[in-house]
């Protein structure tokens, strides 16, 4: 079996939401650009957690996927809320989606 045939050896991990996760821990958007554009205040791990939150996953699911304790995920969520200036999951998701939405270019 070649190295190319073994999942994960080439740094091609995929999150629960289908976004690629590189070796450096940065989530990548569908076009290969770093996820969280406009959310540069978030760490790479916080962007990864926020991406999974926006995908509709619970803290327990995120913890299992990222091999973290659920309390660690809760701490990430708390810091994300603080950095985004929001008080709830729906607000955080709305902010995340609004900043990641492609801008319409005219003419």
PDB file of N, CA and C in Angstrom:
ATOM      1  N   UNK A   1       0.852  -1.178   0.000  1.00  0.00           N
ATOM      2  CA  UNK A   1       0.000   0.000   0.000  1.00  0.00           C
ATOM      3  C   UNK A   1       0.893   1.234   0.000  1.00  0.00           C
ATOM      4  N   UNK A   2       0.649   2.157  -0.910  1.00  0.00           N
ATOM      5  CA  UNK A   2       1.407   3.398  -1.000  1.00  0.00           C
ATOM      6  C   UNK A   2       0.986   4.386   0.066  1.00  0.00           C
ATOM      7  N   UNK A   3       1.869   5.312   0.347  1.00  0.00           N
ATOM      8  CA  UNK A   3       1.573   6.400   1.277  1.00  0.00           C
ATOM      9  C   UNK A   3       0.344   7.180   0.825  1.00  0.00           C
ATOM     10  N   UNK A   4       0.181   7.356  -0.476  1.00  0.00           N
ATOM     11  CA  UNK A   4      -0.959   8.103  -1.020  1.00  0.00           C
ATOM     12  C   UNK A   4      -2.289   7.397  -0.805  1.00  0.00           C
ATOM     13  N   UNK A   5      -2.252   6.110  -0.533  1.00  0.00           N
ATOM     14  CA  UNK A   5      -3.480   5.343  -0.349  1.00  0.00           C
ATOM     15  C   UNK A   5      -3.959   5.328   1.097  1.00  0.00           C
ATOM     16  N   UNK A   6      -3.114   5.793   2.025  1.00  0.00           N
ATOM     17  CA  UNK A   6      -3.476   5.784   3.437  1.00  0.00           C
ATOM     18  C   UNK A   6      -4.090   7.131   3.795  1.00  0.00           C
ATOM     19  N   UNK A   7      -5.369   7.148   4.206  1.00  0.00           N
ATOM     20  CA  UNK A   7      -6.016   8.411   4.540  1.00  0.00           C
ATOM     21  C   UNK A   7      -5.296   9.123   5.675  1.00  0.00           C
ATOM     22  N   UNK A   8      -5.116  10.428   5.522  1.00  0.00           N
ATOM     23  CA  UNK A   8      -4.540  11.235   6.577  1.00  0.00           C
ATOM     24  C   UNK A   8      -3.033  11.419   6.502  1.00  0.00           C
ATOM     25  N   UNK A   9      -2.307  10.586   5.747  1.00  0.00           N
ATOM     26  CA  UNK A   9      -0.858  10.733   5.688  1.00  0.00           C
ATOM     27  C   UNK A   9      -0.429  11.917   4.836  1.00  0.00           C
ATOM     28  N   UNK A  10      -1.291  12.400   4.018  1.00  0.00           N
ATOM     29  CA  UNK A  10      -0.964  13.551   3.183  1.00  0.00           C
ATOM     30  C   UNK A  10      -1.553  14.835   3.739  1.00  0.00           C
ATOM     31  N   UNK A  11      -2.005  14.811   4.989  1.00  0.00           N
ATOM     32  CA  UNK A  11      -2.554  16.006   5.607  1.00  0.00           C
ATOM     33  C   UNK A  11      -3.941  16.348   5.125  1.00  0.00           C
ATOM     34  N   UNK A  12      -4.663  15.382   4.630  1.00  0.00           N
ATOM     35  CA  UNK A  12      -5.983  15.639   4.070  1.00  0.00           C
ATOM     36  C   UNK A  12      -7.082  15.123   4.991  1.00  0.00           C
ATOM     37  N   UNK A  13      -7.161  15.675   6.181  1.00  0.00           N
ATOM     38  CA  UNK A  13      -8.243  15.317   7.093  1.00  0.00           C
ATOM     39  C   UNK A  13      -9.481  16.106   6.697  1.00  0.00           C
ATOM     40  N   UNK A  14     -10.636  15.531   6.939  1.00  0.00           N
ATOM     41  CA  UNK A  14     -11.886  16.206   6.620  1.00  0.00           C
ATOM     42  C   UNK A  14     -12.722  16.316   7.874  1.00  0.00           C
ATOM     43  N   UNK A  15     -13.231  17.523   8.130  1.00  0.00           N
ATOM     44  CA  UNK A  15     -14.079  17.750   9.290  1.00  0.00           C
ATOM     45  C   UNK A  15     -15.461  17.162   9.084  1.00  0.00           C
ATOM     46  N   UNK A  16     -16.255  17.175  10.145  1.00  0.00           N
ATOM     47  CA  UNK A  16     -17.619  16.658  10.074  1.00  0.00           C
ATOM     48  C   UNK A  16     -18.461  17.403   9.048  1.00  0.00           C
ATOM     49  N   UNK A  17     -18.088  18.662   8.777  1.00  0.00           N
ATOM     50  CA  UNK A  17     -18.851  19.474   7.840  1.00  0.00           C
ATOM     51  C   UNK A  17     -18.327  19.360   6.415  1.00  0.00           C
ATOM     52  N   UNK A  18     -17.345  18.513   6.174  1.00  0.00           N
ATOM     53  CA  UNK A  18     -16.829  18.303   4.828  1.00  0.00           C
ATOM     54  C   UNK A  18     -15.688  19.221   4.436  1.00  0.00           C
ATOM     55  N   UNK A  19     -15.302  20.162   5.311  1.00  0.00           N
ATOM     56  CA  UNK A  19     -14.193  21.047   4.995  1.00  0.00           C
ATOM     57  C   UNK A  19     -12.879  20.337   5.273  1.00  0.00           C
ATOM     58  N   UNK A  20     -11.880  20.596   4.446  1.00  0.00           N
ATOM     59  CA  UNK A  20     -10.572  19.984   4.623  1.00  0.00           C
ATOM     60  C   UNK A  20      -9.840  20.644   5.781  1.00  0.00           C
ATOM     61  N   UNK A  21      -9.116  19.847   6.545  1.00  0.00           N
ATOM     62  CA  UNK A  21      -8.305  20.333   7.644  1.00  0.00           C
ATOM     63  C   UNK A  21      -6.858  19.994   7.295  1.00  0.00           C
ATOM     64  N   UNK A  22      -5.996  20.983   7.171  1.00  0.00           N
ATOM     65  CA  UNK A  22      -4.610  20.765   6.781  1.00  0.00           C
ATOM     66  C   UNK A  22      -3.745  20.305   7.946  1.00  0.00           C
ATOM     67  N   UNK A  23      -2.488  19.970   7.660  1.00  0.00           N
ATOM     68  CA  UNK A  23      -1.563  19.511   8.684  1.00  0.00           C
ATOM     69  C   UNK A  23      -1.279  20.568   9.734  1.00  0.00           C
ATOM     70  N   UNK A  24      -1.349  21.834   9.353  1.00  0.00           N
ATOM     71  CA  UNK A  24      -1.055  22.902  10.294  1.00  0.00           C
ATOM     72  C   UNK A  24      -2.237  23.208  11.201  1.00  0.00           C
ATOM     73  N   UNK A  25      -3.321  22.462  11.079  1.00  0.00           N
ATOM     74  CA  UNK A  25      -4.476  22.647  11.932  1.00  0.00           C
ATOM     75  C   UNK A  25      -5.444  23.696  11.445  1.00  0.00           C
ATOM     76  N   UNK A  26      -5.139  24.337  10.326  1.00  0.00           N
ATOM     77  CA  UNK A  26      -6.030  25.348   9.791  1.00  0.00           C
ATOM     78  C   UNK A  26      -7.111  24.693   8.949  1.00  0.00           C
ATOM     79  N   UNK A  27      -8.341  25.107   9.200  1.00  0.00           N
ATOM     80  CA  UNK A  27      -9.439  24.637   8.361  1.00  0.00           C
ATOM     81  C   UNK A  27      -9.342  25.373   7.042  1.00  0.00           C
ATOM     82  N   UNK A  28      -9.661  24.710   5.974  1.00  0.00           N
ATOM     83  CA  UNK A  28      -9.645  25.339   4.669  1.00  0.00           C
ATOM     84  C   UNK A  28     -11.049  25.372   4.114  1.00  0.00           C
ATOM     85  N   UNK A  29     -11.379  26.462   3.462  1.00  0.00           N
ATOM     86  CA  UNK A  29     -12.682  26.587   2.822  1.00  0.00           C
ATOM     87  C   UNK A  29     -12.736  25.745   1.573  1.00  0.00           C
ATOM     88  N   UNK A  30     -13.869  25.733   0.921  1.00  0.00           N
ATOM     89  CA  UNK A  30     -14.046  24.898  -0.265  1.00  0.00           C
ATOM     90  C   UNK A  30     -13.106  25.292  -1.401  1.00  0.00           C
ATOM     91  N   UNK A  31     -12.711  26.548  -1.474  1.00  0.00           N
ATOM     92  CA  UNK A  31     -11.798  26.986  -2.524  1.00  0.00           C
ATOM     93  C   UNK A  31     -10.341  26.868  -2.133  1.00  0.00           C
ATOM     94  N   UNK A  32     -10.039  26.317  -0.948  1.00  0.00           N
ATOM     95  CA  UNK A  32      -8.675  26.152  -0.506  1.00  0.00           C
ATOM     96  C   UNK A  32      -8.173  27.324   0.323  1.00  0.00           C
ATOM     97  N   UNK A  33      -8.942  28.412   0.407  1.00  0.00           N
ATOM     98  CA  UNK A  33      -8.511  29.546   1.215  1.00  0.00           C
ATOM     99  C   UNK A  33      -8.767  29.231   2.681  1.00  0.00           C
ATOM    100  N   UNK A  34      -8.010  29.850   3.578  1.00  0.00           N
ATOM    101  CA  UNK A  34      -8.231  29.570   4.995  1.00  0.00           C
ATOM    102  C   UNK A  34      -9.646  29.926   5.403  1.00  0.00           C
ATOM    103  N   UNK A  35     -10.267  29.038   6.177  1.00  0.00           N
ATOM    104  CA  UNK A  35     -11.605  29.321   6.688  1.00  0.00           C
ATOM    105  C   UNK A  35     -11.501  30.425   7.713  1.00  0.00           C
ATOM    106  N   UNK A  36     -12.583  31.126   7.934  1.00  0.00           N
ATOM    107  CA  UNK A  36     -12.595  32.162   8.939  1.00  0.00           C
ATOM    108  C   UNK A  36     -12.121  33.495   8.427  1.00  0.00           C
ATOM    109  N   UNK A  37     -12.077  33.683   7.117  1.00  0.00           N
ATOM    110  CA  UNK A  37     -11.707  34.965   6.575  1.00  0.00           C
ATOM    111  C   UNK A  37     -12.626  36.004   7.189  1.00  0.00           C
ATOM    112  N   UNK A  38     -12.048  37.051   7.753  1.00  0.00           N
ATOM    113  CA  UNK A  38     -12.839  38.040   8.457  1.00  0.00           C
ATOM    114  C   UNK A  38     -13.002  37.697   9.923  1.00  0.00           C
ATOM    115  N   UNK A  39     -12.517  36.563  10.334  1.00  0.00           N
ATOM    116  CA  UNK A  39     -12.592  36.133  11.726  1.00  0.00           C
ATOM    117  C   UNK A  39     -11.185  35.884  12.245  1.00  0.00           C
ATOM    118  N   UNK A  40     -10.251  36.750  11.856  1.00  0.00           N
ATOM    119  CA  UNK A  40      -8.843  36.522  12.173  1.00  0.00           C
ATOM    120  C   UNK A  40      -8.554  36.550  13.660  1.00  0.00           C
ATOM    121  N   UNK A  41      -9.500  37.032  14.490  1.00  0.00           N
ATOM    122  CA  UNK A  41      -9.303  37.018  15.929  1.00  0.00           C
ATOM    123  C   UNK A  41      -9.401  35.629  16.531  1.00  0.00           C
ATOM    124  N   UNK A  42      -9.953  34.685  15.781  1.00  0.00           N
ATOM    125  CA  UNK A  42     -10.095  33.314  16.273  1.00  0.00           C
ATOM    126  C   UNK A  42      -8.836  32.515  15.960  1.00  0.00           C
ATOM    127  N   UNK A  43      -8.462  31.645  16.892  1.00  0.00           N
ATOM    128  CA  UNK A  43      -7.336  30.747  16.640  1.00  0.00           C
ATOM    129  C   UNK A  43      -7.764  29.697  15.611  1.00  0.00           C
ATOM    130  N   UNK A  44      -6.795  28.953  15.121  1.00  0.00           N
ATOM    131  CA  UNK A  44      -7.100  27.897  14.154  1.00  0.00           C
ATOM    132  C   UNK A  44      -8.067  26.880  14.755  1.00  0.00           C
ATOM    133  N   UNK A  45      -7.852  26.502  16.017  1.00  0.00           N
ATOM    134  CA  UNK A  45      -8.718  25.523  16.669  1.00  0.00           C
ATOM    135  C   UNK A  45     -10.113  26.103  16.868  1.00  0.00           C
ATOM    136  N   UNK A  46     -10.191  27.389  17.241  1.00  0.00           N
ATOM    137  CA  UNK A  46     -11.498  28.028  17.420  1.00  0.00           C
ATOM    138  C   UNK A  46     -12.254  28.101  16.097  1.00  0.00           C
ATOM    139  N   UNK A  47     -11.552  28.369  15.004  1.00  0.00           N
ATOM    140  CA  UNK A  47     -12.201  28.373  13.682  1.00  0.00           C
ATOM    141  C   UNK A  47     -12.708  26.975  13.338  1.00  0.00           C
ATOM    142  N   UNK A  48     -11.923  25.965  13.688  1.00  0.00           N
ATOM    143  CA  UNK A  48     -12.324  24.585  13.439  1.00  0.00           C
ATOM    144  C   UNK A  48     -13.581  24.244  14.243  1.00  0.00           C
ATOM    145  N   UNK A  49     -13.589  24.603  15.518  1.00  0.00           N
ATOM    146  CA  UNK A  49     -14.754  24.363  16.377  1.00  0.00           C
ATOM    147  C   UNK A  49     -15.956  25.136  15.849  1.00  0.00           C
ATOM    148  N   UNK A  50     -15.764  26.408  15.482  1.00  0.00           N
ATOM    149  CA  UNK A  50     -16.877  27.223  14.998  1.00  0.00           C
ATOM    150  C   UNK A  50     -17.441  26.660  13.696  1.00  0.00           C
ATOM    151  N   UNK A  51     -16.592  26.143  12.855  1.00  0.00           N
ATOM    152  CA  UNK A  51     -17.048  25.526  11.613  1.00  0.00           C
ATOM    153  C   UNK A  51     -17.943  24.320  11.898  1.00  0.00           C
ATOM    154  N   UNK A  52     -17.568  23.536  12.885  1.00  0.00           N
ATOM    155  CA  UNK A  52     -18.373  22.373  13.255  1.00  0.00           C
ATOM    156  C   UNK A  52     -19.680  22.797  13.922  1.00  0.00           C
ATOM    157  N   UNK A  53     -19.623  23.859  14.722  1.00  0.00           N
ATOM    158  CA  UNK A  53     -20.849  24.400  15.321  1.00  0.00           C
ATOM    159  C   UNK A  53     -21.805  24.832  14.221  1.00  0.00           C
ATOM    160  N   UNK A  54     -21.281  25.566  13.249  1.00  0.00           N
ATOM    161  CA  UNK A  54     -22.112  26.049  12.142  1.00  0.00           C
ATOM    162  C   UNK A  54     -22.682  24.893  11.324  1.00  0.00           C
ATOM    163  N   UNK A  55     -22.004  23.752  11.356  1.00  0.00           N
ATOM    164  CA  UNK A  55     -22.485  22.559  10.671  1.00  0.00           C
ATOM    165  C   UNK A  55     -23.582  21.839  11.447  1.00  0.00           C
ATOM    166  N   UNK A  56     -23.959  22.387  12.606  1.00  0.00           N
ATOM    167  CA  UNK A  56     -25.060  21.825  13.376  1.00  0.00           C
ATOM    168  C   UNK A  56     -24.668  20.762  14.386  1.00  0.00           C
ATOM    169  N   UNK A  57     -23.385  20.656  14.701  1.00  0.00           N
ATOM    170  CA  UNK A  57     -22.922  19.613  15.609  1.00  0.00           C
ATOM    171  C   UNK A  57     -22.962  20.078  17.061  1.00  0.00           C
ATOM    172  N   UNK A  58     -23.235  19.147  17.948  1.00  0.00           N
ATOM    173  CA  UNK A  58     -23.279  19.429  19.380  1.00  0.00           C
ATOM    174  C   UNK A  58     -21.854  19.462  19.938  1.00  0.00           C
ATOM    175  N   UNK A  59     -21.720  20.000  21.148  1.00  0.00           N
ATOM    176  CA  UNK A  59     -20.406  20.002  21.794  1.00  0.00           C
ATOM    177  C   UNK A  59     -19.872  18.587  21.957  1.00  0.00           C
ATOM    178  N   UNK A  60     -20.740  17.650  22.287  1.00  0.00           N
ATOM    179  CA  UNK A  60     -20.318  16.257  22.434  1.00  0.00           C
ATOM    180  C   UNK A  60     -19.796  15.669  21.136  1.00  0.00           C
ATOM    181  N   UNK A  61     -20.479  15.955  20.038  1.00  0.00           N
ATOM    182  CA  UNK A  61     -20.030  15.461  18.726  1.00  0.00           C
ATOM    183  C   UNK A  61     -18.698  16.090  18.341  1.00  0.00           C
ATOM    184  N   UNK A  62     -18.560  17.386  18.611  1.00  0.00           N
ATOM    185  CA  UNK A  62     -17.314  18.090  18.292  1.00  0.00           C
ATOM    186  C   UNK A  62     -16.170  17.511  19.121  1.00  0.00           C
ATOM    187  N   UNK A  63     -16.422  17.287  20.400  1.00  0.00           N
ATOM    188  CA  UNK A  63     -15.399  16.712  21.288  1.00  0.00           C
ATOM    189  C   UNK A  63     -14.935  15.350  20.772  1.00  0.00           C
ATOM    190  N   UNK A  64     -15.869  14.509  20.389  1.00  0.00           N
ATOM    191  CA  UNK A  64     -15.514  13.177  19.883  1.00  0.00           C
ATOM    192  C   UNK A  64     -14.716  13.273  18.590  1.00  0.00           C
ATOM    193  N   UNK A  65     -15.134  14.169  17.703  1.00  0.00           N
ATOM    194  CA  UNK A  65     -14.458  14.313  16.403  1.00  0.00           C
ATOM    195  C   UNK A  65     -13.032  14.845  16.558  1.00  0.00           C
ATOM    196  N   UNK A  66     -12.847  15.779  17.485  1.00  0.00           N
ATOM    197  CA  UNK A  66     -11.539  16.413  17.650  1.00  0.00           C
ATOM    198  C   UNK A  66     -10.692  15.755  18.748  1.00  0.00           C
ATOM    199  N   UNK A  67     -11.214  14.679  19.341  1.00  0.00           N
ATOM    200  CA  UNK A  67     -10.511  13.964  20.410  1.00  0.00           C
ATOM    201  C   UNK A  67     -10.200  14.892  21.581  1.00  0.00           C
ATOM    202  N   UNK A  68     -11.216  15.650  21.991  1.00  0.00           N
ATOM    203  CA  UNK A  68     -11.106  16.576  23.108  1.00  0.00           C
ATOM    204  C   UNK A  68     -12.131  16.213  24.168  1.00  0.00           C
ATOM    205  N   UNK A  69     -11.919  16.700  25.374  1.00  0.00           N
ATOM    206  CA  UNK A  69     -12.940  16.581  26.407  1.00  0.00           C
ATOM    207  C   UNK A  69     -14.054  17.569  26.075  1.00  0.00           C
ATOM    208  N   UNK A  70     -15.275  17.209  26.435  1.00  0.00           N
ATOM    209  CA  UNK A  70     -16.392  18.112  26.158  1.00  0.00           C
ATOM    210  C   UNK A  70     -16.209  19.451  26.878  1.00  0.00           C
ATOM    211  N   UNK A  71     -15.607  19.428  28.050  1.00  0.00           N
ATOM    212  CA  UNK A  71     -15.348  20.676  28.777  1.00  0.00           C
ATOM    213  C   UNK A  71     -14.383  21.571  27.990  1.00  0.00           C
ATOM    214  N   UNK A  72     -13.423  20.995  27.306  1.00  0.00           N
ATOM    215  CA  UNK A  72     -12.497  21.768  26.479  1.00  0.00           C
ATOM    216  C   UNK A  72     -13.252  22.438  25.341  1.00  0.00           C
ATOM    217  N   UNK A  73     -14.169  21.712  24.724  1.00  0.00           N
ATOM    218  CA  UNK A  73     -14.985  22.287  23.649  1.00  0.00           C
ATOM    219  C   UNK A  73     -15.818  23.439  24.210  1.00  0.00           C
ATOM    220  N   UNK A  74     -16.404  23.252  25.393  1.00  0.00           N
ATOM    221  CA  UNK A  74     -17.193  24.324  26.010  1.00  0.00           C
ATOM    222  C   UNK A  74     -16.336  25.562  26.239  1.00  0.00           C
ATOM    223  N   UNK A  75     -15.080  25.374  26.637  1.00  0.00           N
ATOM    224  CA  UNK A  75     -14.175  26.510  26.823  1.00  0.00           C
ATOM    225  C   UNK A  75     -13.894  27.210  25.491  1.00  0.00           C
ATOM    226  N   UNK A  76     -13.685  26.430  24.436  1.00  0.00           N
ATOM    227  CA  UNK A  76     -13.488  27.023  23.105  1.00  0.00           C
ATOM    228  C   UNK A  76     -14.721  27.835  22.704  1.00  0.00           C
ATOM    229  N   UNK A  77     -15.902  27.257  22.921  1.00  0.00           N
ATOM    230  CA  UNK A  77     -17.154  27.930  22.559  1.00  0.00           C
ATOM    231  C   UNK A  77     -17.286  29.247  23.326  1.00  0.00           C
ATOM    232  N   UNK A  78     -16.970  29.210  24.599  1.00  0.00           N
ATOM    233  CA  UNK A  78     -17.049  30.426  25.429  1.00  0.00           C
ATOM    234  C   UNK A  78     -16.119  31.514  24.895  1.00  0.00           C
ATOM    235  N   UNK A  79     -14.878  31.140  24.538  1.00  0.00           N
ATOM    236  CA  UNK A  79     -13.927  32.114  23.990  1.00  0.00           C
ATOM    237  C   UNK A  79     -14.375  32.617  22.625  1.00  0.00           C
ATOM    238  N   UNK A  80     -14.949  31.737  21.805  1.00  0.00           N
ATOM    239  CA  UNK A  80     -15.465  32.146  20.493  1.00  0.00           C
ATOM    240  C   UNK A  80     -16.556  33.195  20.676  1.00  0.00           C
ATOM    241  N   UNK A  81     -17.511  32.928  21.571  1.00  0.00           N
ATOM    242  CA  UNK A  81     -18.588  33.889  21.831  1.00  0.00           C
ATOM    243  C   UNK A  81     -18.005  35.231  22.241  1.00  0.00           C
ATOM    244  N   UNK A  82     -17.023  35.205  23.118  1.00  0.00           N
ATOM    245  CA  UNK A  82     -16.407  36.433  23.605  1.00  0.00           C
ATOM    246  C   UNK A  82     -15.736  37.202  22.472  1.00  0.00           C
ATOM    247  N   UNK A  83     -14.976  36.495  21.647  1.00  0.00           N
ATOM    248  CA  UNK A  83     -14.257  37.143  20.551  1.00  0.00           C
ATOM    249  C   UNK A  83     -15.195  37.682  19.478  1.00  0.00           C
ATOM    250  N   UNK A  84     -16.317  36.975  19.253  1.00  0.00           N
ATOM    251  CA  UNK A  84     -17.276  37.428  18.233  1.00  0.00           C
ATOM    252  C   UNK A  84     -18.267  38.448  18.789  1.00  0.00           C
ATOM    253  N   UNK A  85     -18.301  38.602  20.102  1.00  0.00           N
ATOM    254  CA  UNK A  85     -19.227  39.545  20.721  1.00  0.00           C
ATOM    255  C   UNK A  85     -20.671  39.073  20.654  1.00  0.00           C
ATOM    256  N   UNK A  86     -20.871  37.767  20.821  1.00  0.00           N
ATOM    257  CA  UNK A  86     -22.221  37.196  20.774  1.00  0.00           C
ATOM    258  C   UNK A  86     -22.510  36.474  22.083  1.00  0.00           C
ATOM    259  N   UNK A  87     -23.791  36.173  22.307  1.00  0.00           N
ATOM    260  CA  UNK A  87     -24.206  35.521  23.554  1.00  0.00           C
ATOM    261  C   UNK A  87     -24.818  34.141  23.360  1.00  0.00           C
ATOM    262  N   UNK A  88     -24.970  33.701  22.109  1.00  0.00           N
ATOM    263  CA  UNK A  88     -25.648  32.422  21.890  1.00  0.00           C
ATOM    264  C   UNK A  88     -25.113  31.730  20.642  1.00  0.00           C
ATOM    265  N   UNK A  89     -25.411  30.456  20.554  1.00  0.00           N
ATOM    266  CA  UNK A  89     -25.012  29.644  19.405  1.00  0.00           C
ATOM    267  C   UNK A  89     -25.609  30.180  18.095  1.00  0.00           C
ATOM    268  N   UNK A  90     -26.917  30.479  18.074  1.00  0.00           N
ATOM    269  CA  UNK A  90     -27.482  31.014  16.824  1.00  0.00           C
ATOM    270  C   UNK A  90     -26.837  32.330  16.386  1.00  0.00           C
ATOM    271  N   UNK A  91     -26.515  33.197  17.338  1.00  0.00           N
ATOM    272  CA  UNK A  91     -25.837  34.452  16.993  1.00  0.00           C
ATOM    273  C   UNK A  91     -24.446  34.184  16.424  1.00  0.00           C
ATOM    274  N   UNK A  92     -23.726  33.245  17.039  1.00  0.00           N
ATOM    275  CA  UNK A  92     -22.384  32.907  16.575  1.00  0.00           C
ATOM    276  C   UNK A  92     -22.441  32.329  15.163  1.00  0.00           C
ATOM    277  N   UNK A  93     -23.411  31.461  14.918  1.00  0.00           N
ATOM    278  CA  UNK A  93     -23.562  30.862  13.587  1.00  0.00           C
ATOM    279  C   UNK A  93     -23.899  31.937  12.559  1.00  0.00           C
ATOM    280  N   UNK A  94     -24.813  32.843  12.903  1.00  0.00           N
ATOM    281  CA  UNK A  94     -25.191  33.922  11.979  1.00  0.00           C
ATOM    282  C   UNK A  94     -23.972  34.788  11.649  1.00  0.00           C
ATOM    283  N   UNK A  95     -23.176  35.117  12.648  1.00  0.00           N
ATOM    284  CA  UNK A  95     -21.971  35.925  12.431  1.00  0.00           C
ATOM    285  C   UNK A  95     -20.988  35.178  11.542  1.00  0.00           C
ATOM    286  N   UNK A  96     -20.776  33.908  11.837  1.00  0.00           N
ATOM    287  CA  UNK A  96     -19.858  33.054  11.065  1.00  0.00           C
ATOM    288  C   UNK A  96     -20.280  32.983   9.596  1.00  0.00           C
ATOM    289  N   UNK A  97     -21.560  32.713   9.377  1.00  0.00           N
ATOM    290  CA  UNK A  97     -22.046  32.589   7.999  1.00  0.00           C
ATOM    291  C   UNK A  97     -21.993  33.921   7.265  1.00  0.00           C
ATOM    292  N   UNK A  98     -22.287  35.013   7.959  1.00  0.00           N
ATOM    293  CA  UNK A  98     -22.270  36.337   7.325  1.00  0.00           C
ATOM    294  C   UNK A  98     -20.856  36.730   6.897  1.00  0.00           C
ATOM    295  N   UNK A  99     -19.865  36.386   7.706  1.00  0.00           N
ATOM    296  CA  UNK A  99     -18.493  36.766   7.365  1.00  0.00           C
ATOM    297  C   UNK A  99     -17.874  35.829   6.344  1.00  0.00           C
ATOM    298  N   UNK A 100     -18.419  34.647   6.203  1.00  0.00           N
ATOM    299  CA  UNK A 100     -17.893  33.688   5.234  1.00  0.00           C
ATOM    300  C   UNK A 100     -18.634  33.720   3.910  1.00  0.00           C
ATOM    301  N   UNK A 101     -19.751  34.441   3.859  1.00  0.00           N
ATOM    302  CA  UNK A 101     -20.544  34.481   2.623  1.00  0.00           C
ATOM    303  C   UNK A 101     -19.760  35.192   1.527  1.00  0.00           C
ATOM    304  N   UNK A 102     -19.788  34.640   0.308  1.00  0.00           N
ATOM    305  CA  UNK A 102     -19.087  35.312  -0.777  1.00  0.00           C
ATOM    306  C   UNK A 102     -19.752  36.655  -1.079  1.00  0.00           C
ATOM    307  N   UNK A 103     -18.923  37.618  -1.327  1.00  0.00           N
ATOM    308  CA  UNK A 103     -19.420  38.963  -1.643  1.00  0.00           C
ATOM    309  C   UNK A 103     -19.802  39.010  -3.120  1.00  0.00           C
ATOM    310  N   UNK A 104     -20.943  39.618  -3.412  1.00  0.00           N
ATOM    311  CA  UNK A 104     -21.371  39.773  -4.808  1.00  0.00           C
ATOM    312  C   UNK A 104     -20.526  40.849  -5.473  1.00  0.00           C
ATOM    313  N   UNK A 105     -20.010  40.525  -6.615  1.00  0.00           N
ATOM    314  CA  UNK A 105     -19.211  41.502  -7.364  1.00  0.00           C
ATOM    315  C   UNK A 105     -20.008  41.918  -8.584  1.00  0.00           C
ATOM    316  N   UNK A 106     -20.094  43.170  -8.729  1.00  0.00           N
ATOM    317  CA  UNK A 106     -20.871  43.693  -9.850  1.00  0.00           C
ATOM    318  C   UNK A 106     -19.949  44.185 -10.953  1.00  0.00           C
ATOM    319  N   UNK A 107     -20.305  43.925 -12.137  1.00  0.00           N
ATOM    320  CA  UNK A 107     -19.710  44.428 -13.371  1.00  0.00           C
ATOM    321  C   UNK A 107     -18.272  44.103 -13.435  1.00  0.00           C
TER     322      UNK A 107
END
